[in-house]
């Protein structure tokens, strides 16, 4: 389940559109989160400056525990 899915489900629970339970799997897993705007900028820069046929990585440098992400969502409700 993605972060946006978690946030959407939390809102649905808050307004009574979904039962107050959330299945998320392993809470000790970590996830790297990258803003879509940053990814778009990276792809544009890659298209302009990178060598054709070469491999490049675009991603986050920081990870977050799933449990901490859920806590953050709950704190904003």
PDB file of N, CA and C in Angstrom:
ATOM      1  N   UNK A   1       0.846  -1.174   0.000  1.00  0.00           N
ATOM      2  CA  UNK A   1       0.000   0.000   0.000  1.00  0.00           C
ATOM      3  C   UNK A   1       0.894   1.239   0.000  1.00  0.00           C
ATOM      4  N   UNK A   2       0.624   2.162  -0.890  1.00  0.00           N
ATOM      5  CA  UNK A   2       1.426   3.382  -0.984  1.00  0.00           C
ATOM      6  C   UNK A   2       1.018   4.388   0.096  1.00  0.00           C
ATOM      7  N   UNK A   3       1.848   5.396   0.271  1.00  0.00           N
ATOM      8  CA  UNK A   3       1.557   6.432   1.250  1.00  0.00           C
ATOM      9  C   UNK A   3       0.259   7.153   0.900  1.00  0.00           C
ATOM     10  N   UNK A   4       0.055   7.433  -0.375  1.00  0.00           N
ATOM     11  CA  UNK A   4      -1.189   8.110  -0.761  1.00  0.00           C
ATOM     12  C   UNK A   4      -2.391   7.211  -0.490  1.00  0.00           C
ATOM     13  N   UNK A   5      -2.240   5.896  -0.670  1.00  0.00           N
ATOM     14  CA  UNK A   5      -3.325   4.964  -0.339  1.00  0.00           C
ATOM     15  C   UNK A   5      -3.620   4.995   1.161  1.00  0.00           C
ATOM     16  N   UNK A   6      -2.549   5.011   1.979  1.00  0.00           N
ATOM     17  CA  UNK A   6      -2.735   5.077   3.429  1.00  0.00           C
ATOM     18  C   UNK A   6      -3.462   6.351   3.844  1.00  0.00           C
ATOM     19  N   UNK A   7      -3.044   7.474   3.279  1.00  0.00           N
ATOM     20  CA  UNK A   7      -3.673   8.752   3.616  1.00  0.00           C
ATOM     21  C   UNK A   7      -5.135   8.773   3.175  1.00  0.00           C
ATOM     22  N   UNK A   8      -5.406   8.266   1.994  1.00  0.00           N
ATOM     23  CA  UNK A   8      -6.783   8.215   1.487  1.00  0.00           C
ATOM     24  C   UNK A   8      -7.651   7.349   2.400  1.00  0.00           C
ATOM     25  N   UNK A   9      -7.129   6.182   2.778  1.00  0.00           N
ATOM     26  CA  UNK A   9      -7.890   5.301   3.657  1.00  0.00           C
ATOM     27  C   UNK A   9      -8.130   5.956   5.009  1.00  0.00           C
ATOM     28  N   UNK A  10      -7.139   6.663   5.520  1.00  0.00           N
ATOM     29  CA  UNK A  10      -7.294   7.352   6.805  1.00  0.00           C
ATOM     30  C   UNK A  10      -8.414   8.381   6.729  1.00  0.00           C
ATOM     31  N   UNK A  11      -8.484   9.122   5.644  1.00  0.00           N
ATOM     32  CA  UNK A  11      -9.553  10.116   5.470  1.00  0.00           C
ATOM     33  C   UNK A  11     -10.904   9.412   5.360  1.00  0.00           C
ATOM     34  N   UNK A  12     -10.955   8.312   4.617  1.00  0.00           N
ATOM     35  CA  UNK A  12     -12.207   7.560   4.497  1.00  0.00           C
ATOM     36  C   UNK A  12     -12.686   7.058   5.860  1.00  0.00           C
ATOM     37  N   UNK A  13     -11.752   6.604   6.689  1.00  0.00           N
ATOM     38  CA  UNK A  13     -12.100   6.164   8.044  1.00  0.00           C
ATOM     39  C   UNK A  13     -12.609   7.351   8.850  1.00  0.00           C
ATOM     40  N   UNK A  14     -11.907   8.469   8.746  1.00  0.00           N
ATOM     41  CA  UNK A  14     -12.261   9.676   9.515  1.00  0.00           C
ATOM     42  C   UNK A  14     -13.668  10.167   9.207  1.00  0.00           C
ATOM     43  N   UNK A  15     -14.090  10.103   7.950  1.00  0.00           N
ATOM     44  CA  UNK A  15     -15.416  10.607   7.570  1.00  0.00           C
ATOM     45  C   UNK A  15     -16.479   9.502   7.562  1.00  0.00           C
ATOM     46  N   UNK A  16     -16.101   8.299   8.001  1.00  0.00           N
ATOM     47  CA  UNK A  16     -17.072   7.221   8.138  1.00  0.00           C
ATOM     48  C   UNK A  16     -17.363   6.435   6.872  1.00  0.00           C
ATOM     49  N   UNK A  17     -16.522   6.549   5.862  1.00  0.00           N
ATOM     50  CA  UNK A  17     -16.734   5.814   4.617  1.00  0.00           C
ATOM     51  C   UNK A  17     -16.101   4.424   4.627  1.00  0.00           C
ATOM     52  N   UNK A  18     -15.315   4.138   5.659  1.00  0.00           N
ATOM     53  CA  UNK A  18     -14.634   2.847   5.738  1.00  0.00           C
ATOM     54  C   UNK A  18     -14.546   2.430   7.196  1.00  0.00           C
ATOM     55  N   UNK A  19     -14.521   1.123   7.439  1.00  0.00           N
ATOM     56  CA  UNK A  19     -14.407   0.636   8.818  1.00  0.00           C
ATOM     57  C   UNK A  19     -13.064   1.073   9.406  1.00  0.00           C
ATOM     58  N   UNK A  20     -13.002   1.273  10.714  1.00  0.00           N
ATOM     59  CA  UNK A  20     -11.777   1.800  11.341  1.00  0.00           C
ATOM     60  C   UNK A  20     -10.684   0.750  11.522  1.00  0.00           C
ATOM     61  N   UNK A  21     -10.291   0.138  10.432  1.00  0.00           N
ATOM     62  CA  UNK A  21      -9.165  -0.806  10.469  1.00  0.00           C
ATOM     63  C   UNK A  21      -8.331  -0.618   9.214  1.00  0.00           C
ATOM     64  N   UNK A  22      -7.069  -0.940   9.357  1.00  0.00           N
ATOM     65  CA  UNK A  22      -6.132  -0.721   8.262  1.00  0.00           C
ATOM     66  C   UNK A  22      -5.141  -1.874   8.227  1.00  0.00           C
ATOM     67  N   UNK A  23      -5.066  -2.584   7.123  1.00  0.00           N
ATOM     68  CA  UNK A  23      -4.121  -3.684   6.976  1.00  0.00           C
ATOM     69  C   UNK A  23      -2.915  -3.172   6.194  1.00  0.00           C
ATOM     70  N   UNK A  24      -1.759  -3.202   6.834  1.00  0.00           N
ATOM     71  CA  UNK A  24      -0.580  -2.627   6.196  1.00  0.00           C
ATOM     72  C   UNK A  24       0.597  -3.584   6.076  1.00  0.00           C
ATOM     73  N   UNK A  25       0.536  -4.741   6.682  1.00  0.00           N
ATOM     74  CA  UNK A  25       1.658  -5.670   6.598  1.00  0.00           C
ATOM     75  C   UNK A  25       2.713  -5.378   7.653  1.00  0.00           C
ATOM     76  N   UNK A  26       3.970  -5.532   7.283  1.00  0.00           N
ATOM     77  CA  UNK A  26       5.093  -5.413   8.209  1.00  0.00           C
ATOM     78  C   UNK A  26       5.386  -3.945   8.517  1.00  0.00           C
ATOM     79  N   UNK A  27       5.162  -3.547   9.760  1.00  0.00           N
ATOM     80  CA  UNK A  27       5.373  -2.158  10.169  1.00  0.00           C
ATOM     81  C   UNK A  27       6.840  -1.804  10.355  1.00  0.00           C
ATOM     82  N   UNK A  28       7.723  -2.814  10.370  1.00  0.00           N
ATOM     83  CA  UNK A  28       9.151  -2.536  10.556  1.00  0.00           C
ATOM     84  C   UNK A  28       9.882  -2.348   9.230  1.00  0.00           C
ATOM     85  N   UNK A  29       9.175  -2.499   8.118  1.00  0.00           N
ATOM     86  CA  UNK A  29       9.787  -2.229   6.815  1.00  0.00           C
ATOM     87  C   UNK A  29      10.021  -0.734   6.655  1.00  0.00           C
ATOM     88  N   UNK A  30      10.995  -0.400   5.844  1.00  0.00           N
ATOM     89  CA  UNK A  30      11.275   1.005   5.528  1.00  0.00           C
ATOM     90  C   UNK A  30      10.906   1.279   4.082  1.00  0.00           C
ATOM     91  N   UNK A  31      10.524   2.505   3.816  1.00  0.00           N
ATOM     92  CA  UNK A  31      10.175   2.934   2.462  1.00  0.00           C
ATOM     93  C   UNK A  31      10.925   4.222   2.134  1.00  0.00           C
ATOM     94  N   UNK A  32      11.409   4.299   0.921  1.00  0.00           N
ATOM     95  CA  UNK A  32      11.988   5.538   0.411  1.00  0.00           C
ATOM     96  C   UNK A  32      10.859   6.291  -0.274  1.00  0.00           C
ATOM     97  N   UNK A  33      10.735   7.554   0.025  1.00  0.00           N
ATOM     98  CA  UNK A  33       9.649   8.358  -0.530  1.00  0.00           C
ATOM     99  C   UNK A  33      10.255   9.479  -1.359  1.00  0.00           C
ATOM    100  N   UNK A  34       9.802   9.579  -2.589  1.00  0.00           N
ATOM    101  CA  UNK A  34      10.295  10.601  -3.500  1.00  0.00           C
ATOM    102  C   UNK A  34       9.124  11.428  -4.000  1.00  0.00           C
ATOM    103  N   UNK A  35       9.251  12.731  -3.930  1.00  0.00           N
ATOM    104  CA  UNK A  35       8.223  13.628  -4.425  1.00  0.00           C
ATOM    105  C   UNK A  35       8.139  13.512  -5.941  1.00  0.00           C
ATOM    106  N   UNK A  36       6.929  13.434  -6.470  1.00  0.00           N
ATOM    107  CA  UNK A  36       6.754  13.260  -7.914  1.00  0.00           C
ATOM    108  C   UNK A  36       7.366  14.418  -8.700  1.00  0.00           C
ATOM    109  N   UNK A  37       7.327  15.625  -8.154  1.00  0.00           N
ATOM    110  CA  UNK A  37       7.943  16.771  -8.830  1.00  0.00           C
ATOM    111  C   UNK A  37       9.445  16.608  -8.958  1.00  0.00           C
ATOM    112  N   UNK A  38      10.080  16.044  -7.921  1.00  0.00           N
ATOM    113  CA  UNK A  38      11.514  15.793  -7.975  1.00  0.00           C
ATOM    114  C   UNK A  38      11.849  14.751  -9.036  1.00  0.00           C
ATOM    115  N   UNK A  39      11.001  13.733  -9.150  1.00  0.00           N
ATOM    116  CA  UNK A  39      11.226  12.692 -10.157  1.00  0.00           C
ATOM    117  C   UNK A  39      11.091  13.278 -11.559  1.00  0.00           C
ATOM    118  N   UNK A  40      10.086  14.107 -11.773  1.00  0.00           N
ATOM    119  CA  UNK A  40       9.893  14.733 -13.080  1.00  0.00           C
ATOM    120  C   UNK A  40      11.099  15.593 -13.442  1.00  0.00           C
ATOM    121  N   UNK A  41      11.588  16.390 -12.479  1.00  0.00           N
ATOM    122  CA  UNK A  41      12.774  17.223 -12.734  1.00  0.00           C
ATOM    123  C   UNK A  41      13.993  16.353 -13.060  1.00  0.00           C
ATOM    124  N   UNK A  42      14.156  15.258 -12.321  1.00  0.00           N
ATOM    125  CA  UNK A  42      15.292  14.361 -12.562  1.00  0.00           C
ATOM    126  C   UNK A  42      15.209  13.740 -13.952  1.00  0.00           C
ATOM    127  N   UNK A  43      14.028  13.341 -14.368  1.00  0.00           N
ATOM    128  CA  UNK A  43      13.877  12.756 -15.701  1.00  0.00           C
ATOM    129  C   UNK A  43      14.148  13.775 -16.798  1.00  0.00           C
ATOM    130  N   UNK A  44      13.693  15.012 -16.571  1.00  0.00           N
ATOM    131  CA  UNK A  44      13.971  16.068 -17.560  1.00  0.00           C
ATOM    132  C   UNK A  44      15.468  16.312 -17.668  1.00  0.00           C
ATOM    133  N   UNK A  45      16.140  16.413 -16.520  1.00  0.00           N
ATOM    134  CA  UNK A  45      17.587  16.628 -16.521  1.00  0.00           C
ATOM    135  C   UNK A  45      18.323  15.456 -17.158  1.00  0.00           C
ATOM    136  N   UNK A  46      17.848  14.258 -16.887  1.00  0.00           N
ATOM    137  CA  UNK A  46      18.471  13.077 -17.493  1.00  0.00           C
ATOM    138  C   UNK A  46      18.322  13.119 -19.012  1.00  0.00           C
ATOM    139  N   UNK A  47      17.133  13.490 -19.481  1.00  0.00           N
ATOM    140  CA  UNK A  47      16.900  13.566 -20.930  1.00  0.00           C
ATOM    141  C   UNK A  47      17.807  14.611 -21.577  1.00  0.00           C
ATOM    142  N   UNK A  48      18.092  15.686 -20.851  1.00  0.00           N
ATOM    143  CA  UNK A  48      18.906  16.767 -21.400  1.00  0.00           C
ATOM    144  C   UNK A  48      20.410  16.500 -21.301  1.00  0.00           C
ATOM    145  N   UNK A  49      20.861  15.783 -20.262  1.00  0.00           N
ATOM    146  CA  UNK A  49      22.290  15.724 -19.976  1.00  0.00           C
ATOM    147  C   UNK A  49      22.918  14.334 -19.931  1.00  0.00           C
ATOM    148  N   UNK A  50      22.122  13.291 -19.804  1.00  0.00           N
ATOM    149  CA  UNK A  50      22.698  11.954 -19.647  1.00  0.00           C
ATOM    150  C   UNK A  50      22.999  11.313 -21.007  1.00  0.00           C
ATOM    151  N   UNK A  51      23.874  10.340 -20.971  1.00  0.00           N
ATOM    152  CA  UNK A  51      24.263   9.640 -22.184  1.00  0.00           C
ATOM    153  C   UNK A  51      23.239   8.566 -22.546  1.00  0.00           C
ATOM    154  N   UNK A  52      22.872   8.505 -23.818  1.00  0.00           N
ATOM    155  CA  UNK A  52      21.935   7.499 -24.294  1.00  0.00           C
ATOM    156  C   UNK A  52      22.496   6.100 -24.028  1.00  0.00           C
ATOM    157  N   UNK A  53      21.648   5.224 -23.512  1.00  0.00           N
ATOM    158  CA  UNK A  53      22.044   3.841 -23.269  1.00  0.00           C
ATOM    159  C   UNK A  53      22.673   3.588 -21.912  1.00  0.00           C
ATOM    160  N   UNK A  54      23.004   4.633 -21.176  1.00  0.00           N
ATOM    161  CA  UNK A  54      23.594   4.481 -19.843  1.00  0.00           C
ATOM    162  C   UNK A  54      22.469   4.356 -18.805  1.00  0.00           C
ATOM    163  N   UNK A  55      22.776   3.718 -17.689  1.00  0.00           N
ATOM    164  CA  UNK A  55      21.805   3.573 -16.612  1.00  0.00           C
ATOM    165  C   UNK A  55      22.011   4.637 -15.551  1.00  0.00           C
ATOM    166  N   UNK A  56      20.921   5.191 -15.047  1.00  0.00           N
ATOM    167  CA  UNK A  56      20.961   6.202 -14.002  1.00  0.00           C
ATOM    168  C   UNK A  56      19.882   5.874 -12.976  1.00  0.00           C
ATOM    169  N   UNK A  57      20.166   6.144 -11.731  1.00  0.00           N
ATOM    170  CA  UNK A  57      19.192   5.917 -10.668  1.00  0.00           C
ATOM    171  C   UNK A  57      18.586   7.244 -10.218  1.00  0.00           C
ATOM    172  N   UNK A  58      17.279   7.230 -10.055  1.00  0.00           N
ATOM    173  CA  UNK A  58      16.562   8.375  -9.515  1.00  0.00           C
ATOM    174  C   UNK A  58      15.789   7.863  -8.311  1.00  0.00           C
ATOM    175  N   UNK A  59      16.030   8.439  -7.150  1.00  0.00           N
ATOM    176  CA  UNK A  59      15.315   7.969  -5.978  1.00  0.00           C
ATOM    177  C   UNK A  59      15.648   8.785  -4.746  1.00  0.00           C
ATOM    178  N   UNK A  60      15.037   8.391  -3.660  1.00  0.00           N
ATOM    179  CA  UNK A  60      15.213   9.084  -2.389  1.00  0.00           C
ATOM    180  C   UNK A  60      16.497   8.627  -1.711  1.00  0.00           C
ATOM    181  N   UNK A  61      17.029   9.466  -0.879  1.00  0.00           N
ATOM    182  CA  UNK A  61      18.226   9.114  -0.116  1.00  0.00           C
ATOM    183  C   UNK A  61      17.888   8.791   1.335  1.00  0.00           C
ATOM    184  N   UNK A  62      16.643   8.991   1.727  1.00  0.00           N
ATOM    185  CA  UNK A  62      16.228   8.750   3.108  1.00  0.00           C
ATOM    186  C   UNK A  62      15.056   7.774   3.120  1.00  0.00           C
ATOM    187  N   UNK A  63      15.048   6.896   4.105  1.00  0.00           N
ATOM    188  CA  UNK A  63      13.945   5.952   4.247  1.00  0.00           C
ATOM    189  C   UNK A  63      13.185   6.226   5.544  1.00  0.00           C
ATOM    190  N   UNK A  64      11.943   5.763   5.576  1.00  0.00           N
ATOM    191  CA  UNK A  64      11.067   5.959   6.721  1.00  0.00           C
ATOM    192  C   UNK A  64      10.416   4.629   7.082  1.00  0.00           C
ATOM    193  N   UNK A  65      10.331   4.330   8.372  1.00  0.00           N
ATOM    194  CA  UNK A  65       9.626   3.138   8.819  1.00  0.00           C
ATOM    195  C   UNK A  65       8.142   3.282   8.526  1.00  0.00           C
ATOM    196  N   UNK A  66       7.522   2.206   8.069  1.00  0.00           N
ATOM    197  CA  UNK A  66       6.091   2.227   7.785  1.00  0.00           C
ATOM    198  C   UNK A  66       5.317   2.643   9.035  1.00  0.00           C
ATOM    199  N   UNK A  67       5.707   2.146  10.195  1.00  0.00           N
ATOM    200  CA  UNK A  67       5.024   2.513  11.442  1.00  0.00           C
ATOM    201  C   UNK A  67       5.088   4.015  11.689  1.00  0.00           C
ATOM    202  N   UNK A  68       6.224   4.647  11.404  1.00  0.00           N
ATOM    203  CA  UNK A  68       6.371   6.098  11.597  1.00  0.00           C
ATOM    204  C   UNK A  68       5.512   6.872  10.601  1.00  0.00           C
ATOM    205  N   UNK A  69       5.412   6.366   9.383  1.00  0.00           N
ATOM    206  CA  UNK A  69       4.565   7.024   8.379  1.00  0.00           C
ATOM    207  C   UNK A  69       3.104   6.996   8.816  1.00  0.00           C
ATOM    208  N   UNK A  70       2.683   5.863   9.334  1.00  0.00           N
ATOM    209  CA  UNK A  70       1.286   5.755   9.802  1.00  0.00           C
ATOM    210  C   UNK A  70       1.065   6.682  10.990  1.00  0.00           C
ATOM    211  N   UNK A  71       2.030   6.769  11.898  1.00  0.00           N
ATOM    212  CA  UNK A  71       1.926   7.693  13.034  1.00  0.00           C
ATOM    213  C   UNK A  71       1.794   9.133  12.544  1.00  0.00           C
ATOM    214  N   UNK A  72       2.563   9.501  11.529  1.00  0.00           N
ATOM    215  CA  UNK A  72       2.503  10.865  10.990  1.00  0.00           C
ATOM    216  C   UNK A  72       1.131  11.151  10.381  1.00  0.00           C
ATOM    217  N   UNK A  73       0.591  10.182   9.674  1.00  0.00           N
ATOM    218  CA  UNK A  73      -0.749  10.367   9.086  1.00  0.00           C
ATOM    219  C   UNK A  73      -1.776  10.530  10.199  1.00  0.00           C
ATOM    220  N   UNK A  74      -1.701   9.690  11.214  1.00  0.00           N
ATOM    221  CA  UNK A  74      -2.649   9.776  12.326  1.00  0.00           C
ATOM    222  C   UNK A  74      -2.532  11.115  13.054  1.00  0.00           C
ATOM    223  N   UNK A  75      -1.323  11.622  13.191  1.00  0.00           N
ATOM    224  CA  UNK A  75      -1.117  12.889  13.896  1.00  0.00           C
ATOM    225  C   UNK A  75      -1.745  14.065  13.165  1.00  0.00           C
ATOM    226  N   UNK A  76      -1.916  13.952  11.853  1.00  0.00           N
ATOM    227  CA  UNK A  76      -2.483  15.044  11.062  1.00  0.00           C
ATOM    228  C   UNK A  76      -3.988  14.929  10.899  1.00  0.00           C
ATOM    229  N   UNK A  77      -4.571  13.922  11.513  1.00  0.00           N
ATOM    230  CA  UNK A  77      -6.026  13.742  11.384  1.00  0.00           C
ATOM    231  C   UNK A  77      -6.757  14.494  12.474  1.00  0.00           C
TER     232      UNK A  77
END
